[in-house]
């Protein structure tokens, strides 16, 4: 089976936010100390997004469906472009980035079930549990915007009633979110002033 790349050059992909009961999320260190990220992987022809998610869950971190509870997924595809240096110009079809469906899973087993030897191509060599927003600071910069979008969309499922507080570093790492919140506050302040 092969990857699915659409006519715009985006590879169909799934991402996994795996959370413990304490609200912390799984971050895996890529083999060779190449940074930290959530589990993710390409969909293959004939797969639905949920099927691909369970396959990647097993291939990347050794977990089976009974080890997790599926809490929800993003409504639509979230896109990111690859920096020019990562685009393989000689590959056909040309892949310029990823379009991803993100899934929120709750861990239902002990950490000892997590393993990295279930695939011929090992993705991670270590993992840690991080506070909910921390992955934005840990992931490679060109993926930050899609991480921000996924975490915001999945947060109401993870934390019903109230988002976890933003850390002090948030405006530096996620300036678009900080800008959007400022604009939203200014808009609501302006509306209150007009009504008052």
N, C-alpha and C. Protein backbone atom coordinates (compact mmCIF):
# COMPACT_ATOMS: atom_id res chain seq x y z
N UNK A 1 0.84 -1.19 0.00
CA UNK A 1 0.00 0.00 0.00
C UNK A 1 0.88 1.24 0.00
N UNK A 2 0.37 2.33 -0.59
CA UNK A 2 1.16 3.55 -0.69
C UNK A 2 0.45 4.70 -0.03
N UNK A 3 1.22 5.76 0.23
CA UNK A 3 0.66 6.97 0.82
C UNK A 3 -0.33 7.62 -0.13
N UNK A 4 -1.22 8.42 0.44
CA UNK A 4 -2.20 9.16 -0.34
C UNK A 4 -1.78 10.62 -0.40
N UNK A 5 -1.52 11.12 -1.60
CA UNK A 5 -1.16 12.53 -1.79
C UNK A 5 -2.21 13.14 -2.70
N UNK A 6 -2.84 14.23 -2.24
CA UNK A 6 -3.94 14.82 -3.01
C UNK A 6 -3.41 15.67 -4.16
N UNK A 7 -4.32 16.24 -4.93
CA UNK A 7 -3.92 17.00 -6.13
C UNK A 7 -3.19 18.29 -5.81
N UNK A 8 -3.33 18.78 -4.57
CA UNK A 8 -2.58 19.98 -4.16
C UNK A 8 -1.19 19.63 -3.61
N UNK A 9 -0.91 18.34 -3.46
CA UNK A 9 0.40 17.92 -2.98
C UNK A 9 0.48 17.66 -1.49
N UNK A 10 -0.69 17.54 -0.82
CA UNK A 10 -0.70 17.26 0.62
C UNK A 10 -0.90 15.77 0.88
N UNK A 11 -0.05 15.22 1.72
CA UNK A 11 -0.12 13.80 2.08
C UNK A 11 -1.12 13.62 3.21
N UNK A 12 -2.06 12.69 3.04
CA UNK A 12 -3.06 12.41 4.07
C UNK A 12 -2.38 11.73 5.25
N UNK A 13 -2.65 12.23 6.45
CA UNK A 13 -1.90 11.86 7.62
C UNK A 13 -2.81 11.91 8.84
N UNK A 14 -2.51 11.13 9.85
CA UNK A 14 -3.22 11.25 11.12
C UNK A 14 -2.24 11.64 12.22
N UNK A 15 -2.74 12.31 13.23
CA UNK A 15 -1.95 12.67 14.40
C UNK A 15 -2.67 12.20 15.65
N UNK A 16 -1.90 11.86 16.69
CA UNK A 16 -2.46 11.30 17.92
C UNK A 16 -2.02 12.13 19.12
N UNK A 17 -3.00 12.65 19.86
CA UNK A 17 -2.75 13.26 21.16
C UNK A 17 -3.18 12.22 22.19
N UNK A 18 -2.21 11.61 22.85
CA UNK A 18 -2.46 10.58 23.86
C UNK A 18 -2.32 11.23 25.24
N UNK A 19 -3.39 11.16 26.03
CA UNK A 19 -3.43 11.86 27.31
C UNK A 19 -3.63 10.88 28.47
N UNK A 20 -2.97 11.19 29.57
CA UNK A 20 -3.21 10.46 30.82
C UNK A 20 -4.35 11.13 31.60
N UNK A 21 -4.78 10.50 32.67
CA UNK A 21 -5.85 11.06 33.49
C UNK A 21 -5.46 12.39 34.12
N UNK A 22 -4.17 12.62 34.33
CA UNK A 22 -3.73 13.88 34.96
C UNK A 22 -3.67 15.04 33.96
N UNK A 23 -4.04 14.81 32.70
CA UNK A 23 -4.05 15.87 31.70
C UNK A 23 -2.76 16.03 30.93
N UNK A 24 -1.72 15.30 31.32
CA UNK A 24 -0.46 15.37 30.58
C UNK A 24 -0.55 14.53 29.31
N UNK A 25 0.24 14.92 28.31
CA UNK A 25 0.18 14.28 27.00
C UNK A 25 1.53 13.64 26.66
N UNK A 26 1.46 12.62 25.82
CA UNK A 26 2.63 11.86 25.39
C UNK A 26 3.42 12.66 24.36
N UNK A 27 4.73 12.73 24.56
CA UNK A 27 5.66 13.24 23.56
C UNK A 27 6.74 12.19 23.34
N UNK A 28 6.98 11.84 22.09
CA UNK A 28 8.02 10.89 21.75
C UNK A 28 9.23 11.60 21.18
N UNK A 29 10.42 11.11 21.58
CA UNK A 29 11.66 11.64 21.01
C UNK A 29 12.00 10.82 19.77
N UNK A 30 12.13 11.51 18.67
CA UNK A 30 12.42 10.81 17.42
C UNK A 30 13.79 10.14 17.49
N UNK A 31 13.90 8.99 16.86
CA UNK A 31 15.15 8.23 16.87
C UNK A 31 16.30 9.12 16.41
N UNK A 32 17.41 9.03 17.10
CA UNK A 32 18.57 9.85 16.76
C UNK A 32 18.51 11.25 17.37
N UNK A 33 17.65 11.43 18.39
CA UNK A 33 17.51 12.72 19.09
C UNK A 33 17.19 13.85 18.12
N UNK A 34 16.22 13.60 17.22
CA UNK A 34 15.84 14.60 16.22
C UNK A 34 14.61 15.39 16.62
N UNK A 35 14.38 15.56 17.89
CA UNK A 35 13.26 16.36 18.35
C UNK A 35 12.12 15.52 18.91
N UNK A 36 11.13 16.22 19.46
CA UNK A 36 10.00 15.62 20.13
C UNK A 36 8.73 15.91 19.35
N UNK A 37 7.81 14.94 19.34
CA UNK A 37 6.54 15.17 18.65
C UNK A 37 5.50 14.16 19.11
N UNK A 38 4.25 14.40 18.68
CA UNK A 38 3.18 13.44 18.87
C UNK A 38 3.34 12.31 17.86
N UNK A 39 2.79 11.14 18.15
CA UNK A 39 2.74 10.10 17.12
C UNK A 39 1.92 10.59 15.93
N UNK A 40 2.39 10.29 14.74
CA UNK A 40 1.65 10.64 13.53
C UNK A 40 2.14 9.74 12.40
N UNK A 41 1.34 9.66 11.34
CA UNK A 41 1.77 8.85 10.21
C UNK A 41 0.79 8.93 9.07
N UNK A 42 1.25 8.54 7.90
CA UNK A 42 0.47 8.64 6.69
C UNK A 42 -0.63 7.60 6.59
N UNK A 43 -1.75 8.04 6.00
CA UNK A 43 -2.82 7.10 5.68
C UNK A 43 -2.45 6.35 4.40
N UNK A 44 -2.94 5.15 4.28
CA UNK A 44 -2.66 4.33 3.10
C UNK A 44 -3.96 4.12 2.33
N UNK A 45 -3.83 3.83 1.04
CA UNK A 45 -5.00 3.59 0.20
C UNK A 45 -5.87 2.50 0.82
N UNK A 46 -7.17 2.76 0.87
CA UNK A 46 -8.11 1.80 1.43
C UNK A 46 -8.36 1.95 2.91
N UNK A 47 -7.62 2.84 3.59
CA UNK A 47 -7.79 3.05 5.02
C UNK A 47 -8.70 4.24 5.31
N UNK A 48 -9.52 4.10 6.33
CA UNK A 48 -10.22 5.24 6.92
C UNK A 48 -9.27 5.86 7.95
N UNK A 49 -9.54 7.11 8.32
CA UNK A 49 -8.66 7.81 9.25
C UNK A 49 -8.52 7.07 10.58
N UNK A 50 -9.64 6.56 11.11
CA UNK A 50 -9.57 5.86 12.39
C UNK A 50 -8.75 4.58 12.29
N UNK A 51 -8.88 3.86 11.18
CA UNK A 51 -8.05 2.66 10.98
C UNK A 51 -6.58 3.03 10.95
N UNK A 52 -6.24 4.09 10.24
CA UNK A 52 -4.85 4.53 10.16
C UNK A 52 -4.34 4.93 11.54
N UNK A 53 -5.19 5.57 12.32
CA UNK A 53 -4.78 5.99 13.66
C UNK A 53 -4.41 4.78 14.51
N UNK A 54 -5.25 3.74 14.51
CA UNK A 54 -4.94 2.55 15.33
C UNK A 54 -3.70 1.82 14.81
N UNK A 55 -3.51 1.79 13.49
CA UNK A 55 -2.30 1.17 12.93
C UNK A 55 -1.06 1.93 13.39
N UNK A 56 -1.11 3.27 13.28
CA UNK A 56 0.05 4.08 13.69
C UNK A 56 0.28 3.99 15.20
N UNK A 57 -0.79 3.93 15.98
CA UNK A 57 -0.67 3.78 17.43
C UNK A 57 0.14 2.54 17.77
N UNK A 58 -0.15 1.45 17.06
CA UNK A 58 0.59 0.20 17.31
C UNK A 58 2.02 0.27 16.76
N UNK A 59 2.16 0.77 15.52
CA UNK A 59 3.49 0.80 14.90
C UNK A 59 4.45 1.72 15.64
N UNK A 60 3.97 2.86 16.11
CA UNK A 60 4.88 3.84 16.69
C UNK A 60 5.10 3.67 18.18
N UNK A 61 4.03 3.29 18.93
CA UNK A 61 4.21 3.19 20.38
C UNK A 61 3.68 1.89 20.98
N UNK A 62 3.37 0.91 20.14
CA UNK A 62 3.08 -0.43 20.60
C UNK A 62 1.74 -0.65 21.29
N UNK A 63 0.84 0.33 21.24
CA UNK A 63 -0.44 0.19 21.93
C UNK A 63 -1.52 -0.36 21.01
N UNK A 64 -2.46 -1.06 21.61
CA UNK A 64 -3.60 -1.66 20.91
C UNK A 64 -4.87 -0.88 21.28
N UNK A 65 -5.96 -1.07 20.52
CA UNK A 65 -7.20 -0.34 20.83
C UNK A 65 -7.67 -0.48 22.28
N UNK A 66 -7.48 -1.63 22.90
CA UNK A 66 -7.93 -1.80 24.28
C UNK A 66 -7.11 -1.01 25.29
N UNK A 67 -5.96 -0.49 24.87
CA UNK A 67 -5.11 0.30 25.76
C UNK A 67 -5.53 1.76 25.85
N UNK A 68 -6.47 2.17 24.99
CA UNK A 68 -6.85 3.59 24.92
C UNK A 68 -8.36 3.73 24.82
N UNK A 69 -8.82 4.94 25.11
CA UNK A 69 -10.22 5.30 24.88
C UNK A 69 -10.22 6.42 23.85
N UNK A 70 -10.97 6.24 22.76
CA UNK A 70 -11.08 7.27 21.73
C UNK A 70 -12.07 8.32 22.21
N UNK A 71 -11.60 9.56 22.39
CA UNK A 71 -12.43 10.65 22.90
C UNK A 71 -12.99 11.54 21.80
N UNK A 72 -12.33 11.60 20.65
CA UNK A 72 -12.82 12.43 19.56
C UNK A 72 -11.72 12.75 18.57
N UNK A 73 -12.09 13.53 17.57
CA UNK A 73 -11.15 13.88 16.49
C UNK A 73 -11.47 15.28 15.97
N UNK A 74 -10.51 15.86 15.29
CA UNK A 74 -10.76 17.15 14.65
C UNK A 74 -11.79 16.97 13.54
N UNK A 75 -12.58 18.02 13.30
CA UNK A 75 -13.65 17.94 12.31
C UNK A 75 -13.12 17.84 10.89
N UNK A 76 -12.11 18.63 10.57
CA UNK A 76 -11.60 18.74 9.21
C UNK A 76 -10.10 18.47 9.19
N UNK A 77 -9.57 18.48 7.96
CA UNK A 77 -8.12 18.35 7.78
C UNK A 77 -7.44 19.63 8.27
N UNK A 78 -6.31 19.47 8.95
CA UNK A 78 -5.44 20.58 9.32
C UNK A 78 -4.18 20.44 8.47
N UNK A 79 -3.74 21.54 7.86
CA UNK A 79 -2.63 21.48 6.89
C UNK A 79 -1.37 22.17 7.41
N UNK A 80 -0.24 21.62 7.02
CA UNK A 80 1.02 22.37 7.14
C UNK A 80 1.89 22.08 5.93
N UNK A 81 2.65 23.09 5.54
CA UNK A 81 3.59 22.95 4.41
C UNK A 81 4.97 22.60 4.95
N UNK A 82 5.67 21.82 4.17
CA UNK A 82 7.06 21.49 4.49
C UNK A 82 7.96 22.65 4.08
N UNK A 83 8.98 22.96 4.87
CA UNK A 83 9.99 23.91 4.38
C UNK A 83 10.62 23.38 3.09
N UNK A 84 11.04 24.28 2.23
CA UNK A 84 11.55 23.91 0.90
C UNK A 84 12.65 22.85 0.98
N UNK A 85 13.48 22.89 2.00
CA UNK A 85 14.60 21.93 2.09
C UNK A 85 14.12 20.49 2.33
N UNK A 86 12.87 20.31 2.79
CA UNK A 86 12.35 18.97 3.03
C UNK A 86 11.52 18.43 1.87
N UNK A 87 11.24 19.25 0.88
CA UNK A 87 10.43 18.80 -0.25
C UNK A 87 11.32 18.03 -1.22
N UNK A 88 10.93 16.79 -1.52
CA UNK A 88 11.69 15.97 -2.47
C UNK A 88 11.17 16.25 -3.87
N UNK A 89 11.85 17.12 -4.56
CA UNK A 89 11.38 17.60 -5.87
C UNK A 89 11.34 16.49 -6.93
N UNK A 90 12.12 15.43 -6.73
CA UNK A 90 12.17 14.37 -7.73
C UNK A 90 11.12 13.29 -7.50
N UNK A 91 10.34 13.39 -6.40
CA UNK A 91 9.33 12.37 -6.14
C UNK A 91 8.03 12.70 -6.86
N UNK A 92 7.33 11.66 -7.31
CA UNK A 92 6.06 11.82 -7.99
C UNK A 92 5.03 10.92 -7.33
N UNK A 93 3.87 11.44 -6.94
CA UNK A 93 3.51 12.86 -7.02
C UNK A 93 4.28 13.67 -5.98
N UNK A 94 4.44 14.94 -6.27
CA UNK A 94 5.17 15.84 -5.39
C UNK A 94 4.39 16.05 -4.10
N UNK A 95 5.06 15.92 -2.97
CA UNK A 95 4.44 16.15 -1.66
C UNK A 95 5.01 17.45 -1.10
N UNK A 96 4.12 18.43 -0.88
CA UNK A 96 4.56 19.73 -0.35
C UNK A 96 4.25 19.90 1.14
N UNK A 97 3.50 18.95 1.71
CA UNK A 97 3.13 19.06 3.12
C UNK A 97 2.17 17.97 3.53
N UNK A 98 1.59 18.15 4.71
CA UNK A 98 0.68 17.15 5.26
C UNK A 98 -0.69 17.78 5.48
N UNK A 99 -1.74 16.97 5.28
CA UNK A 99 -3.07 17.33 5.78
C UNK A 99 -3.42 16.25 6.79
N UNK A 100 -3.82 16.68 7.98
CA UNK A 100 -3.93 15.75 9.10
C UNK A 100 -5.30 15.78 9.75
N UNK A 101 -5.76 14.60 10.15
CA UNK A 101 -6.87 14.47 11.09
C UNK A 101 -6.24 14.08 12.41
N UNK A 102 -6.61 14.78 13.48
CA UNK A 102 -6.04 14.55 14.80
C UNK A 102 -7.05 13.86 15.70
N UNK A 103 -6.56 12.90 16.49
CA UNK A 103 -7.39 12.13 17.40
C UNK A 103 -6.91 12.34 18.84
N UNK A 104 -7.88 12.47 19.76
CA UNK A 104 -7.58 12.53 21.18
C UNK A 104 -7.89 11.17 21.79
N UNK A 105 -6.88 10.58 22.42
CA UNK A 105 -7.03 9.28 23.08
C UNK A 105 -6.68 9.43 24.55
N UNK A 106 -7.40 8.71 25.41
CA UNK A 106 -7.05 8.63 26.83
C UNK A 106 -6.40 7.28 27.08
N UNK A 107 -5.27 7.31 27.77
CA UNK A 107 -4.54 6.08 28.09
C UNK A 107 -5.32 5.28 29.14
N UNK A 108 -5.50 3.98 28.89
CA UNK A 108 -6.25 3.11 29.81
C UNK A 108 -5.37 1.99 30.35
N UNK A 109 -4.07 2.13 30.25
CA UNK A 109 -3.15 1.10 30.72
C UNK A 109 -1.95 1.76 31.38
N UNK A 110 -1.05 0.95 31.86
CA UNK A 110 0.17 1.45 32.49
C UNK A 110 1.18 1.85 31.42
N UNK A 111 2.05 2.80 31.77
CA UNK A 111 3.12 3.24 30.85
C UNK A 111 3.97 2.08 30.33
N UNK A 112 4.05 1.00 31.10
CA UNK A 112 4.92 -0.12 30.72
C UNK A 112 4.46 -0.79 29.43
N UNK A 113 3.21 -0.55 29.00
CA UNK A 113 2.72 -1.11 27.74
C UNK A 113 3.29 -0.39 26.52
N UNK A 114 3.81 0.82 26.72
CA UNK A 114 4.36 1.60 25.60
C UNK A 114 5.69 1.00 25.19
N UNK A 115 5.83 0.74 23.90
CA UNK A 115 7.08 0.16 23.39
C UNK A 115 7.32 0.66 21.97
N UNK A 116 8.57 0.58 21.56
CA UNK A 116 8.98 1.15 20.27
C UNK A 116 9.51 0.11 19.29
N UNK A 117 9.32 -1.17 19.58
CA UNK A 117 9.91 -2.22 18.76
C UNK A 117 8.88 -3.00 17.93
N UNK A 118 7.74 -2.39 17.66
CA UNK A 118 6.69 -3.11 16.94
C UNK A 118 6.69 -2.82 15.45
N UNK A 119 7.66 -2.05 14.97
CA UNK A 119 7.75 -1.71 13.55
C UNK A 119 9.19 -1.84 13.09
N UNK A 120 9.36 -2.17 11.82
CA UNK A 120 10.71 -2.30 11.26
C UNK A 120 11.43 -0.95 11.26
N UNK A 121 10.66 0.13 11.11
CA UNK A 121 11.25 1.47 11.13
C UNK A 121 10.81 2.18 12.40
N UNK A 122 11.64 2.10 13.43
CA UNK A 122 11.33 2.67 14.72
C UNK A 122 11.28 4.19 14.63
N UNK A 123 10.20 4.78 15.14
CA UNK A 123 10.00 6.24 15.09
C UNK A 123 10.61 6.93 16.30
N UNK A 124 10.39 6.36 17.49
CA UNK A 124 10.81 6.98 18.74
C UNK A 124 11.79 6.09 19.49
N UNK A 125 12.63 6.73 20.33
CA UNK A 125 13.50 5.95 21.20
C UNK A 125 13.31 6.29 22.67
N UNK A 126 12.44 7.24 22.97
CA UNK A 126 12.20 7.66 24.35
C UNK A 126 10.87 8.42 24.37
N UNK A 127 10.24 8.50 25.54
CA UNK A 127 9.05 9.33 25.65
C UNK A 127 9.01 10.01 27.00
N UNK A 128 8.17 11.04 27.09
CA UNK A 128 7.93 11.73 28.34
C UNK A 128 6.49 12.25 28.33
N UNK A 129 5.99 12.59 29.51
CA UNK A 129 4.66 13.17 29.65
C UNK A 129 4.84 14.66 29.86
N UNK A 130 4.08 15.45 29.13
CA UNK A 130 4.23 16.90 29.14
C UNK A 130 2.89 17.56 29.43
N UNK A 131 2.95 18.77 29.98
CA UNK A 131 1.73 19.53 30.18
C UNK A 131 1.08 19.80 28.82
N UNK A 132 -0.21 20.04 28.81
CA UNK A 132 -1.00 20.04 27.58
C UNK A 132 -0.44 20.94 26.48
N UNK A 133 -0.01 22.16 26.79
CA UNK A 133 0.45 23.08 25.75
C UNK A 133 1.94 22.92 25.42
N UNK A 134 2.67 22.18 26.23
CA UNK A 134 4.13 22.05 26.06
C UNK A 134 4.57 21.56 24.68
N UNK A 135 3.81 20.67 24.00
CA UNK A 135 4.26 20.22 22.68
C UNK A 135 4.50 21.35 21.68
N UNK A 136 3.83 22.48 21.82
CA UNK A 136 4.08 23.59 20.90
C UNK A 136 5.51 24.08 21.01
N UNK A 137 6.06 24.02 22.21
CA UNK A 137 7.44 24.47 22.42
C UNK A 137 8.45 23.40 22.03
N UNK A 138 8.03 22.12 22.06
CA UNK A 138 8.96 21.01 21.82
C UNK A 138 9.05 20.62 20.35
N UNK A 139 7.98 20.84 19.58
CA UNK A 139 7.94 20.35 18.20
C UNK A 139 8.75 21.26 17.27
N UNK A 140 9.15 20.71 16.15
CA UNK A 140 9.87 21.48 15.14
C UNK A 140 8.99 22.66 14.70
N UNK A 141 9.56 23.86 14.53
CA UNK A 141 8.74 25.06 14.33
C UNK A 141 7.72 25.00 13.19
N UNK A 142 8.01 24.33 12.08
CA UNK A 142 7.04 24.38 10.98
C UNK A 142 5.77 23.58 11.28
N UNK A 143 5.76 22.79 12.36
CA UNK A 143 4.54 22.06 12.74
C UNK A 143 3.76 22.77 13.85
N UNK A 144 4.26 23.87 14.36
CA UNK A 144 3.63 24.51 15.52
C UNK A 144 2.19 24.94 15.26
N UNK A 145 1.95 25.54 14.13
CA UNK A 145 0.61 26.06 13.85
C UNK A 145 -0.42 24.93 13.85
N UNK A 146 -0.10 23.79 13.23
CA UNK A 146 -1.06 22.69 13.20
C UNK A 146 -1.22 22.07 14.59
N UNK A 147 -0.15 22.04 15.38
CA UNK A 147 -0.27 21.57 16.76
C UNK A 147 -1.19 22.50 17.55
N UNK A 148 -1.00 23.78 17.36
CA UNK A 148 -1.84 24.77 18.04
C UNK A 148 -3.31 24.57 17.67
N UNK A 149 -3.59 24.39 16.39
CA UNK A 149 -4.96 24.18 15.93
C UNK A 149 -5.54 22.89 16.52
N UNK A 150 -4.78 21.81 16.45
CA UNK A 150 -5.27 20.52 16.95
C UNK A 150 -5.53 20.58 18.46
N UNK A 151 -4.58 21.12 19.21
CA UNK A 151 -4.75 21.17 20.67
C UNK A 151 -5.94 22.05 21.06
N UNK A 152 -6.14 23.16 20.36
CA UNK A 152 -7.30 24.00 20.67
C UNK A 152 -8.61 23.29 20.33
N UNK A 153 -8.66 22.63 19.21
CA UNK A 153 -9.91 21.97 18.83
C UNK A 153 -10.23 20.79 19.74
N UNK A 154 -9.21 20.08 20.20
CA UNK A 154 -9.43 18.91 21.05
C UNK A 154 -9.55 19.26 22.54
N UNK A 155 -9.14 20.45 22.93
CA UNK A 155 -9.14 20.84 24.35
C UNK A 155 -10.50 20.71 25.02
N UNK A 156 -11.61 21.10 24.39
CA UNK A 156 -12.91 20.93 25.08
C UNK A 156 -13.25 19.47 25.38
N UNK A 157 -12.73 18.55 24.58
CA UNK A 157 -12.93 17.12 24.86
C UNK A 157 -12.02 16.66 26.00
N UNK A 158 -10.84 17.24 26.04
CA UNK A 158 -9.86 16.85 27.07
C UNK A 158 -10.16 17.50 28.41
N UNK A 159 -10.63 18.73 28.38
CA UNK A 159 -10.89 19.50 29.59
C UNK A 159 -12.27 20.15 29.50
N UNK A 160 -13.33 19.39 29.67
CA UNK A 160 -14.67 19.97 29.54
C UNK A 160 -14.87 21.14 30.50
N UNK A 161 -15.39 22.22 29.97
CA UNK A 161 -15.70 23.37 30.82
C UNK A 161 -14.67 24.48 30.80
N UNK A 162 -13.39 24.15 30.71
CA UNK A 162 -12.38 25.20 30.76
C UNK A 162 -11.05 24.71 30.19
N UNK A 163 -10.45 25.52 29.33
CA UNK A 163 -9.14 25.19 28.79
C UNK A 163 -8.09 25.27 29.89
N UNK A 164 -7.04 24.45 29.78
CA UNK A 164 -5.94 24.63 30.74
C UNK A 164 -5.30 25.99 30.51
N UNK A 165 -4.75 26.61 31.55
CA UNK A 165 -4.17 27.95 31.38
C UNK A 165 -2.99 27.93 30.41
N UNK A 166 -2.85 29.04 29.68
CA UNK A 166 -1.70 29.17 28.79
C UNK A 166 -0.45 29.47 29.61
N UNK A 167 0.68 28.88 29.25
CA UNK A 167 1.92 29.15 29.98
C UNK A 167 2.46 30.55 29.65
N UNK A 168 3.40 31.02 30.45
CA UNK A 168 3.95 32.37 30.28
C UNK A 168 4.63 32.54 28.92
N UNK A 169 5.18 31.47 28.36
CA UNK A 169 5.89 31.57 27.07
C UNK A 169 4.95 31.59 25.87
N UNK A 170 3.65 31.44 26.07
CA UNK A 170 2.70 31.27 24.98
C UNK A 170 2.80 32.34 23.88
N UNK A 171 2.81 33.64 24.19
CA UNK A 171 2.84 34.64 23.10
C UNK A 171 4.07 34.53 22.20
N UNK A 172 5.18 34.03 22.73
CA UNK A 172 6.40 33.90 21.93
C UNK A 172 6.34 32.69 20.99
N UNK A 173 5.70 31.62 21.44
CA UNK A 173 5.66 30.38 20.67
C UNK A 173 4.45 30.33 19.75
N UNK A 174 3.33 30.83 20.22
CA UNK A 174 2.07 30.76 19.45
C UNK A 174 1.51 32.16 19.22
N UNK A 175 2.25 33.01 18.49
CA UNK A 175 1.81 34.39 18.33
C UNK A 175 0.47 34.54 17.64
N UNK A 176 0.13 33.62 16.74
CA UNK A 176 -1.17 33.74 16.06
C UNK A 176 -2.30 33.56 17.05
N UNK A 177 -2.16 32.63 17.99
CA UNK A 177 -3.20 32.43 18.99
C UNK A 177 -3.29 33.63 19.91
N UNK A 178 -2.14 34.17 20.30
CA UNK A 178 -2.15 35.35 21.16
C UNK A 178 -2.80 36.52 20.44
N UNK A 179 -2.49 36.69 19.15
CA UNK A 179 -3.08 37.77 18.36
C UNK A 179 -4.59 37.58 18.23
N UNK A 180 -5.02 36.36 17.97
CA UNK A 180 -6.45 36.08 17.83
C UNK A 180 -7.18 36.37 19.13
N UNK A 181 -6.58 35.98 20.28
CA UNK A 181 -7.23 36.26 21.56
C UNK A 181 -7.31 37.76 21.80
N UNK A 182 -6.23 38.52 21.46
CA UNK A 182 -6.26 39.97 21.63
C UNK A 182 -7.36 40.59 20.78
N UNK A 183 -7.44 40.15 19.51
CA UNK A 183 -8.47 40.69 18.62
C UNK A 183 -9.86 40.37 19.13
N UNK A 184 -10.04 39.16 19.66
CA UNK A 184 -11.34 38.77 20.19
C UNK A 184 -11.70 39.63 21.39
N UNK A 185 -10.72 39.88 22.30
CA UNK A 185 -10.98 40.74 23.46
C UNK A 185 -11.30 42.16 23.03
N UNK A 186 -10.53 42.68 22.04
CA UNK A 186 -10.78 44.05 21.56
C UNK A 186 -12.16 44.15 20.95
N UNK A 187 -12.55 43.14 20.18
CA UNK A 187 -13.86 43.14 19.55
C UNK A 187 -14.96 43.14 20.60
N UNK A 188 -14.83 42.25 21.62
CA UNK A 188 -15.88 42.19 22.64
C UNK A 188 -15.90 43.45 23.49
N UNK A 189 -14.72 44.05 23.74
CA UNK A 189 -14.67 45.31 24.48
C UNK A 189 -15.34 46.41 23.69
N UNK A 190 -15.07 46.44 22.37
CA UNK A 190 -15.71 47.44 21.50
C UNK A 190 -17.21 47.29 21.46
N UNK A 191 -17.68 46.02 21.42
CA UNK A 191 -19.13 45.79 21.40
C UNK A 191 -19.77 46.23 22.69
N UNK A 192 -19.09 45.96 23.84
CA UNK A 192 -19.64 46.40 25.13
C UNK A 192 -19.69 47.91 25.19
N UNK A 193 -18.63 48.56 24.64
CA UNK A 193 -18.60 50.04 24.67
C UNK A 193 -19.74 50.61 23.81
N UNK A 194 -19.99 49.98 22.65
CA UNK A 194 -21.08 50.47 21.79
C UNK A 194 -22.44 50.27 22.45
N UNK A 195 -22.60 49.13 23.16
CA UNK A 195 -23.87 48.88 23.82
C UNK A 195 -24.05 49.78 25.02
N UNK A 196 -22.91 50.07 25.72
CA UNK A 196 -22.99 50.85 26.97
C UNK A 196 -23.23 52.28 26.68
